[in-house]
C-alpha atoms as a PDB file:
ATOM      1  CA  UNK A   1      14.812 -19.805  20.758  1.00  0.00           C
ATOM      2  CA  UNK A   2      16.584 -18.778  17.611  1.00  0.00           C
ATOM      3  CA  UNK A   3      18.389 -15.453  17.513  1.00  0.00           C
ATOM      4  CA  UNK A   4      16.986 -12.805  15.644  1.00  0.00           C
ATOM      5  CA  UNK A   5      18.671 -11.153  12.855  1.00  0.00           C
ATOM      6  CA  UNK A   6      20.544  -7.933  13.370  1.00  0.00           C
ATOM      7  CA  UNK A   7      17.852  -5.106  13.569  1.00  0.00           C
ATOM      8  CA  UNK A   8      18.557  -1.508  12.344  1.00  0.00           C
ATOM      9  CA  UNK A   9      17.251   0.930  15.092  1.00  0.00           C
ATOM     10  CA  UNK A  10      14.527   3.489  14.662  1.00  0.00           C
ATOM     11  CA  UNK A  11      17.304   6.474  13.810  1.00  0.00           C
ATOM     12  CA  UNK A  12      18.946   4.256  11.153  1.00  0.00           C
ATOM     13  CA  UNK A  13      21.324   5.955   8.787  1.00  0.00           C
ATOM     14  CA  UNK A  14      19.769   3.461   6.041  1.00  0.00           C
ATOM     15  CA  UNK A  15      16.362   4.938   5.769  1.00  0.00           C
ATOM     16  CA  UNK A  16      15.992   7.984   3.085  1.00  0.00           C
ATOM     17  CA  UNK A  17      12.887   9.374   2.730  1.00  0.00           C
ATOM     18  CA  UNK A  18      11.950  10.449  -0.891  1.00  0.00           C
ATOM     19  CA  UNK A  19      10.931  13.703  -1.660  1.00  0.00           C
ATOM     20  CA  UNK A  20       7.789  14.201  -3.680  1.00  0.00           C
ATOM     21  CA  UNK A  21       7.266  16.440  -6.932  1.00  0.00           C
ATOM     22  CA  UNK A  22       4.506  18.368  -5.552  1.00  0.00           C
ATOM     23  CA  UNK A  23       5.162  20.854  -2.617  1.00  0.00           C
ATOM     24  CA  UNK A  24       2.465  21.254  -0.041  1.00  0.00           C
ATOM     25  CA  UNK A  25       1.405  24.495  -1.291  1.00  0.00           C
ATOM     26  CA  UNK A  26       1.063  23.066  -4.647  1.00  0.00           C
ATOM     27  CA  UNK A  27      -0.939  20.124  -3.163  1.00  0.00           C
ATOM     28  CA  UNK A  28      -3.060  22.497  -1.387  1.00  0.00           C
ATOM     29  CA  UNK A  29      -3.863  24.491  -4.376  1.00  0.00           C
ATOM     30  CA  UNK A  30      -4.613  21.372  -6.671  1.00  0.00           C
ATOM     31  CA  UNK A  31      -6.996  19.917  -4.085  1.00  0.00           C
ATOM     32  CA  UNK A  32      -9.278  22.704  -4.580  1.00  0.00           C
ATOM     33  CA  UNK A  33      -9.854  21.579  -8.320  1.00  0.00           C
ATOM     34  CA  UNK A  34      -9.634  17.732  -7.447  1.00  0.00           C
ATOM     35  CA  UNK A  35     -12.984  15.663  -8.044  1.00  0.00           C
ATOM     36  CA  UNK A  36     -11.593  12.956  -6.515  1.00  0.00           C
ATOM     37  CA  UNK A  37     -11.358   9.083  -8.344  1.00  0.00           C
ATOM     38  CA  UNK A  38     -14.497   7.296  -9.158  1.00  0.00           C
ATOM     39  CA  UNK A  39     -13.720   5.159  -6.197  1.00  0.00           C
ATOM     40  CA  UNK A  40     -10.479   4.911  -3.957  1.00  0.00           C
ATOM     41  CA  UNK A  41      -7.831   2.405  -4.236  1.00  0.00           C
ATOM     42  CA  UNK A  42      -4.636   1.598  -3.568  1.00  0.00           C
ATOM     43  CA  UNK A  43      -1.715   1.004  -5.828  1.00  0.00           C
ATOM     44  CA  UNK A  44       0.969  -1.091  -4.278  1.00  0.00           C
ATOM     45  CA  UNK A  45       4.557  -0.729  -5.724  1.00  0.00           C
ATOM     46  CA  UNK A  46       7.055  -3.338  -4.840  1.00  0.00           C
ATOM     47  CA  UNK A  47      10.282  -4.269  -5.811  1.00  0.00           C
ATOM     48  CA  UNK A  48      13.856  -4.102  -4.740  1.00  0.00           C
ATOM     49  CA  UNK A  49      15.790  -1.324  -3.227  1.00  0.00           C
ATOM     50  CA  UNK A  50      16.798   0.964  -6.109  1.00  0.00           C
ATOM     51  CA  UNK A  51      14.209  -0.253  -8.460  1.00  0.00           C
ATOM     52  CA  UNK A  52      12.314   2.979  -8.941  1.00  0.00           C
ATOM     53  CA  UNK A  53       9.582   2.497  -6.991  1.00  0.00           C
ATOM     54  CA  UNK A  54       9.717   5.890  -5.140  1.00  0.00           C
ATOM     55  CA  UNK A  55      10.695   7.889  -8.253  1.00  0.00           C
ATOM     56  CA  UNK A  56       7.511   6.271 -10.001  1.00  0.00           C
ATOM     57  CA  UNK A  57       5.264   6.638  -7.133  1.00  0.00           C
ATOM     58  CA  UNK A  58       6.366  10.672  -6.708  1.00  0.00           C
ATOM     59  CA  UNK A  59       5.663  11.059 -10.818  1.00  0.00           C
ATOM     60  CA  UNK A  60       2.333   9.098 -10.703  1.00  0.00           C
ATOM     61  CA  UNK A  61       0.779  11.099  -7.635  1.00  0.00           C
ATOM     62  CA  UNK A  62       2.025  14.411  -9.473  1.00  0.00           C
ATOM     63  CA  UNK A  63       0.262  13.435 -12.670  1.00  0.00           C
ATOM     64  CA  UNK A  64      -2.861  12.283 -10.661  1.00  0.00           C
ATOM     65  CA  UNK A  65      -2.854  15.351  -8.937  1.00  0.00           C
ATOM     66  CA  UNK A  66      -2.462  17.684 -11.803  1.00  0.00           C
ATOM     67  CA  UNK A  67      -5.454  15.983 -13.561  1.00  0.00           C
ATOM     68  CA  UNK A  68      -7.750  16.512 -10.746  1.00  0.00           C
ATOM     69  CA  UNK A  69      -7.823  12.999  -9.077  1.00  0.00           C
ATOM     70  CA  UNK A  70      -7.165  13.044  -5.538  1.00  0.00           C
ATOM     71  CA  UNK A  71      -3.892  10.890  -4.543  1.00  0.00           C
ATOM     72  CA  UNK A  72      -1.498  10.673  -1.935  1.00  0.00           C
ATOM     73  CA  UNK A  73       1.657   8.815  -1.669  1.00  0.00           C
ATOM     74  CA  UNK A  74       3.134   6.616   0.860  1.00  0.00           C
ATOM     75  CA  UNK A  75       6.623   6.275   0.760  1.00  0.00           C
ATOM     76  CA  UNK A  76       8.104   3.310   3.180  1.00  0.00           C
ATOM     77  CA  UNK A  77      11.148   5.249   4.099  1.00  0.00           C
ATOM     78  CA  UNK A  78       9.089   8.356   5.044  1.00  0.00           C
ATOM     79  CA  UNK A  79       6.806   6.412   7.091  1.00  0.00           C
ATOM     80  CA  UNK A  80       9.913   5.187   8.983  1.00  0.00           C
ATOM     81  CA  UNK A  81      10.504   8.424  10.121  1.00  0.00           C
ATOM     82  CA  UNK A  82       7.625   8.548  11.892  1.00  0.00           C
ATOM     83  CA  UNK A  83       4.696   5.990  12.089  1.00  0.00           C
ATOM     84  CA  UNK A  84       6.809   3.265  11.731  1.00  0.00           C
ATOM     85  CA  UNK A  85       9.899   4.762  13.516  1.00  0.00           C
ATOM     86  CA  UNK A  86      10.514   2.048  16.332  1.00  0.00           C
ATOM     87  CA  UNK A  87      10.539  -0.634  13.860  1.00  0.00           C
ATOM     88  CA  UNK A  88      13.983  -2.160  12.263  1.00  0.00           C
ATOM     89  CA  UNK A  89      14.434  -4.546   9.891  1.00  0.00           C
ATOM     90  CA  UNK A  90      14.149  -8.046  11.561  1.00  0.00           C
ATOM     91  CA  UNK A  91      11.563 -10.090   9.771  1.00  0.00           C
ATOM     92  CA  UNK A  92       8.766  -9.507  12.490  1.00  0.00           C
ATOM     93  CA  UNK A  93       9.645  -5.878  12.220  1.00  0.00           C
ATOM     94  CA  UNK A  94       9.049  -5.908   8.340  1.00  0.00           C
ATOM     95  CA  UNK A  95       5.973  -7.431   8.410  1.00  0.00           C
ATOM     96  CA  UNK A  96       4.355  -5.235  10.945  1.00  0.00           C
ATOM     97  CA  UNK A  97       5.823  -2.234   9.007  1.00  0.00           C
ATOM     98  CA  UNK A  98       3.871  -3.753   5.853  1.00  0.00           C
ATOM     99  CA  UNK A  99       0.684  -4.224   7.821  1.00  0.00           C
ATOM    100  CA  UNK A 100       0.930  -0.433   9.226  1.00  0.00           C
ATOM    101  CA  UNK A 101       1.358   1.070   5.693  1.00  0.00           C
ATOM    102  CA  UNK A 102      -1.379  -1.259   4.495  1.00  0.00           C
ATOM    103  CA  UNK A 103      -3.978  -0.065   7.314  1.00  0.00           C
ATOM    104  CA  UNK A 104      -3.096   3.405   6.210  1.00  0.00           C
ATOM    105  CA  UNK A 105      -3.414   2.800   2.601  1.00  0.00           C
ATOM    106  CA  UNK A 106      -6.608   1.560   3.028  1.00  0.00           C
ATOM    107  CA  UNK A 107      -7.927   4.643   5.177  1.00  0.00           C
ATOM    108  CA  UNK A 108      -7.155   6.726   2.303  1.00  0.00           C
ATOM    109  CA  UNK A 109      -8.421   4.613  -0.201  1.00  0.00           C
ATOM    110  CA  UNK A 110     -11.698   4.537   2.200  1.00  0.00           C
ATOM    111  CA  UNK A 111     -11.716   8.436   1.929  1.00  0.00           C
ATOM    112  CA  UNK A 112     -11.712   8.265  -1.860  1.00  0.00           C
ATOM    113  CA  UNK A 113      -8.375   8.879  -3.040  1.00  0.00           C
ATOM    114  CA  UNK A 114      -5.703   7.051  -4.580  1.00  0.00           C
ATOM    115  CA  UNK A 115      -3.173   5.812  -2.268  1.00  0.00           C
ATOM    116  CA  UNK A 116       0.157   4.985  -3.930  1.00  0.00           C
ATOM    117  CA  UNK A 117       2.147   2.939  -1.463  1.00  0.00           C
ATOM    118  CA  UNK A 118       6.194   2.250  -2.235  1.00  0.00           C
ATOM    119  CA  UNK A 119       7.858  -0.147  -0.180  1.00  0.00           C
ATOM    120  CA  UNK A 120      10.328  -2.941  -1.010  1.00  0.00           C
ATOM    121  CA  UNK A 121       7.740  -5.327   0.909  1.00  0.00           C
ATOM    122  CA  UNK A 122       9.745  -8.328   0.130  1.00  0.00           C
ATOM    123  CA  UNK A 123       7.477 -11.103   1.556  1.00  0.00           C
ATOM    124  CA  UNK A 124       4.315 -12.491  -0.552  1.00  0.00           C
ATOM    125  CA  UNK A 125       2.621 -13.072   2.382  1.00  0.00           C
ATOM    126  CA  UNK A 126       2.698  -9.681   3.972  1.00  0.00           C
ATOM    127  CA  UNK A 127       1.595  -8.246   0.278  1.00  0.00           C
ATOM    128  CA  UNK A 128      -1.326 -10.729   0.173  1.00  0.00           C
ATOM    129  CA  UNK A 129      -2.282  -9.459   3.722  1.00  0.00           C
ATOM    130  CA  UNK A 130      -2.226  -5.745   2.669  1.00  0.00           C
ATOM    131  CA  UNK A 131      -4.462  -7.136  -0.257  1.00  0.00           C
ATOM    132  CA  UNK A 132      -6.880  -8.882   2.262  1.00  0.00           C
ATOM    133  CA  UNK A 133      -7.069  -5.910   4.413  1.00  0.00           C
ATOM    134  CA  UNK A 134      -8.715  -3.822   1.101  1.00  0.00           C
ATOM    135  CA  UNK A 135     -10.661  -6.591  -0.136  1.00  0.00           C
ATOM    136  CA  UNK A 136     -12.240  -7.230   3.157  1.00  0.00           C
ATOM    137  CA  UNK A 137     -13.194  -3.462   3.274  1.00  0.00           C
ATOM    138  CA  UNK A 138     -14.414  -3.749  -0.384  1.00  0.00           C
ATOM    139  CA  UNK A 139     -11.597  -1.703  -1.651  1.00  0.00           C
ATOM    140  CA  UNK A 140      -9.502  -2.290  -4.878  1.00  0.00           C
ATOM    141  CA  UNK A 141      -5.729  -3.184  -4.327  1.00  0.00           C
ATOM    142  CA  UNK A 142      -3.480  -3.466  -7.266  1.00  0.00           C
ATOM    143  CA  UNK A 143      -0.050  -4.960  -6.921  1.00  0.00           C
ATOM    144  CA  UNK A 144       2.653  -3.273  -8.884  1.00  0.00           C
ATOM    145  CA  UNK A 145       6.043  -5.264  -9.474  1.00  0.00           C
ATOM    146  CA  UNK A 146       8.782  -3.005 -10.377  1.00  0.00           C
ATOM    147  CA  UNK A 147      10.685  -5.773 -11.668  1.00  0.00           C
ATOM    148  CA  UNK A 148      14.236  -4.348 -12.113  1.00  0.00           C
ATOM    149  CA  UNK A 149      17.186  -6.582 -12.201  1.00  0.00           C
ATOM    150  CA  UNK A 150      19.207  -6.856  -8.949  1.00  0.00           C
ATOM    151  CA  UNK A 151      22.253  -5.761 -10.863  1.00  0.00           C
ATOM    152  CA  UNK A 152      20.552  -2.594 -12.133  1.00  0.00           C
ATOM    153  CA  UNK A 153      19.715  -1.907  -8.751  1.00  0.00           C
ATOM    154  CA  UNK A 154      23.211  -2.325  -7.486  1.00  0.00           C
ATOM    155  CA  UNK A 155      24.469  -0.303 -10.336  1.00  0.00           C
ATOM    156  CA  UNK A 156      22.364   2.498  -9.435  1.00  0.00           C
ATOM    157  CA  UNK A 157      22.541   2.190  -5.457  1.00  0.00           C
ATOM    158  CA  UNK A 158      21.288   5.622  -5.137  1.00  0.00           C
ATOM    159  CA  UNK A 159      21.431   5.295  -1.317  1.00  0.00           C
ATOM    160  CA  UNK A 160      24.755   3.197  -1.134  1.00  0.00           C
ATOM    161  CA  UNK A 161      23.233   0.563   0.564  1.00  0.00           C
ATOM    162  CA  UNK A 162      24.397  -2.351  -1.674  1.00  0.00           C
ATOM    163  CA  UNK A 163      27.762  -1.088  -0.982  1.00  0.00           C
ATOM    164  CA  UNK A 164      27.164  -1.320   2.475  1.00  0.00           C
ATOM    165  CA  UNK A 165      25.818  -5.132   2.265  1.00  0.00           C
ATOM    166  CA  UNK A 166      28.421  -6.272   0.233  1.00  0.00           C
ATOM    167  CA  UNK A 167      31.013  -5.227   2.768  1.00  0.00           C
ATOM    168  CA  UNK A 168      29.071  -6.736   5.586  1.00  0.00           C
ATOM    169  CA  UNK A 169      28.179  -3.408   7.186  1.00  0.00           C
ATOM    170  CA  UNK A 170      24.236  -4.106   6.242  1.00  0.00           C
ATOM    171  CA  UNK A 171      23.208  -7.854   7.095  1.00  0.00           C
ATOM    172  CA  UNK A 172      19.750  -8.918   6.295  1.00  0.00           C
ATOM    173  CA  UNK A 173      19.657  -6.706   3.181  1.00  0.00           C
ATOM    174  CA  UNK A 174      17.176  -7.564   0.551  1.00  0.00           C
ATOM    175  CA  UNK A 175      18.421  -9.013  -2.200  1.00  0.00           C
ATOM    176  CA  UNK A 176      21.811  -9.677  -0.805  1.00  0.00           C
ATOM    177  CA  UNK A 177      21.303 -11.994   1.983  1.00  0.00           C
ATOM    178  CA  UNK A 178      17.846 -11.605   2.785  1.00  0.00           C
ATOM    179  CA  UNK A 179      15.206 -12.843  -0.089  1.00  0.00           C
ATOM    180  CA  UNK A 180      12.790 -11.054  -2.360  1.00  0.00           C
ATOM    181  CA  UNK A 181       9.806 -12.880  -3.230  1.00  0.00           C
ATOM    182  CA  UNK A 182       8.410 -11.743  -6.559  1.00  0.00           C
ATOM    183  CA  UNK A 183       5.081 -11.390  -7.060  1.00  0.00           C
ATOM    184  CA  UNK A 184       3.470 -14.297  -8.693  1.00  0.00           C
ATOM    185  CA  UNK A 185       0.262 -12.479 -10.140  1.00  0.00           C
ATOM    186  CA  UNK A 186       0.726  -8.834  -9.763  1.00  0.00           C
ATOM    187  CA  UNK A 187      -1.807  -6.631 -11.922  1.00  0.00           C
ATOM    188  CA  UNK A 188       1.057  -4.711 -13.545  1.00  0.00           C
ATOM    189  CA  UNK A 189       4.563  -5.285 -14.171  1.00  0.00           C
ATOM    190  CA  UNK A 190       7.073  -2.352 -14.641  1.00  0.00           C
ATOM    191  CA  UNK A 191      10.520  -2.749 -16.250  1.00  0.00           C
ATOM    192  CA  UNK A 192      12.150   0.668 -15.218  1.00  0.00           C
ATOM    193  CA  UNK A 193      15.550  -1.018 -16.093  1.00  0.00           C
ATOM    194  CA  UNK A 194      14.767  -0.084 -19.720  1.00  0.00           C
ATOM    195  CA  UNK A 195      11.411   1.898 -19.793  1.00  0.00           C
ATOM    196  CA  UNK A 196      11.370   5.214 -19.007  1.00  0.00           C
ATOM    197  CA  UNK A 197       9.756   6.810 -16.113  1.00  0.00           C
ATOM    198  CA  UNK A 198       6.868   8.284 -17.896  1.00  0.00           C
ATOM    199  CA  UNK A 199       6.121   5.155 -19.903  1.00  0.00           C
ATOM    200  CA  UNK A 200       5.656   3.247 -16.221  1.00  0.00           C
ATOM    201  CA  UNK A 201       3.125   6.358 -14.959  1.00  0.00           C
ATOM    202  CA  UNK A 202       1.281   5.712 -18.419  1.00  0.00           C
ATOM    203  CA  UNK A 203       1.283   1.952 -17.595  1.00  0.00           C
ATOM    204  CA  UNK A 204      -0.085   3.018 -13.856  1.00  0.00           C
ATOM    205  CA  UNK A 205      -2.689   5.311 -15.457  1.00  0.00           C
ATOM    206  CA  UNK A 206      -3.873   2.858 -17.892  1.00  0.00           C
ATOM    207  CA  UNK A 207      -4.472   0.120 -15.291  1.00  0.00           C
ATOM    208  CA  UNK A 208      -6.420   2.655 -13.133  1.00  0.00           C
ATOM    209  CA  UNK A 209      -8.470   3.801 -16.258  1.00  0.00           C
ATOM    210  CA  UNK A 210      -9.265  -0.015 -17.239  1.00  0.00           C
ATOM    211  CA  UNK A 211     -10.511  -0.558 -13.911  1.00  0.00           C
ATOM    212  CA  UNK A 212     -12.801   2.404 -13.857  1.00  0.00           C
ATOM    213  CA  UNK A 213     -11.078   4.025 -11.011  1.00  0.00           C
ATOM    214  CA  UNK A 214     -10.294   7.325 -12.713  1.00  0.00           C
END
């Protein structure tokens, strides 16, 4: 039996929950005015660490809520501090992490919300399985590829993870010594390396509008 790559433990120092733009109090106030989307769905933001997924997801959630559209953001690192706290970063753990996020997103979408999942989700098979989970339930799923070049992500390095990976402290890091399989047929491609966050959010809104979700 082949040895598994090193797997970071459940209390990893390399997990950084991304705080949203909305406070719990503001969310509660805005929910009173939310009519909900025309139908629930999931936007799945995938891309390298540092690509801008969480920033875009947070901004999109705030815009939707402030427009009266019920939405909830599912951040990969945030979920790793709770629901997925026992999972590491070996391939099997990564697949299970994505499976769980997909199931939670499906529940939110089924409840009539726009679920916004942001997770590296490096493997096409796992993202395809997330899509099937929704389609089998009759729910819309939009894959959003945050296509930011590795050199831009590494220059940003907001969590210091690329520096650790390059120094050998973080083996199996996506984009350095573990592959990232870019989407082949994403519904939307965002290029946060040169497009402003507002433009990326506007593109997401346009995708939802064209699909008659909002």
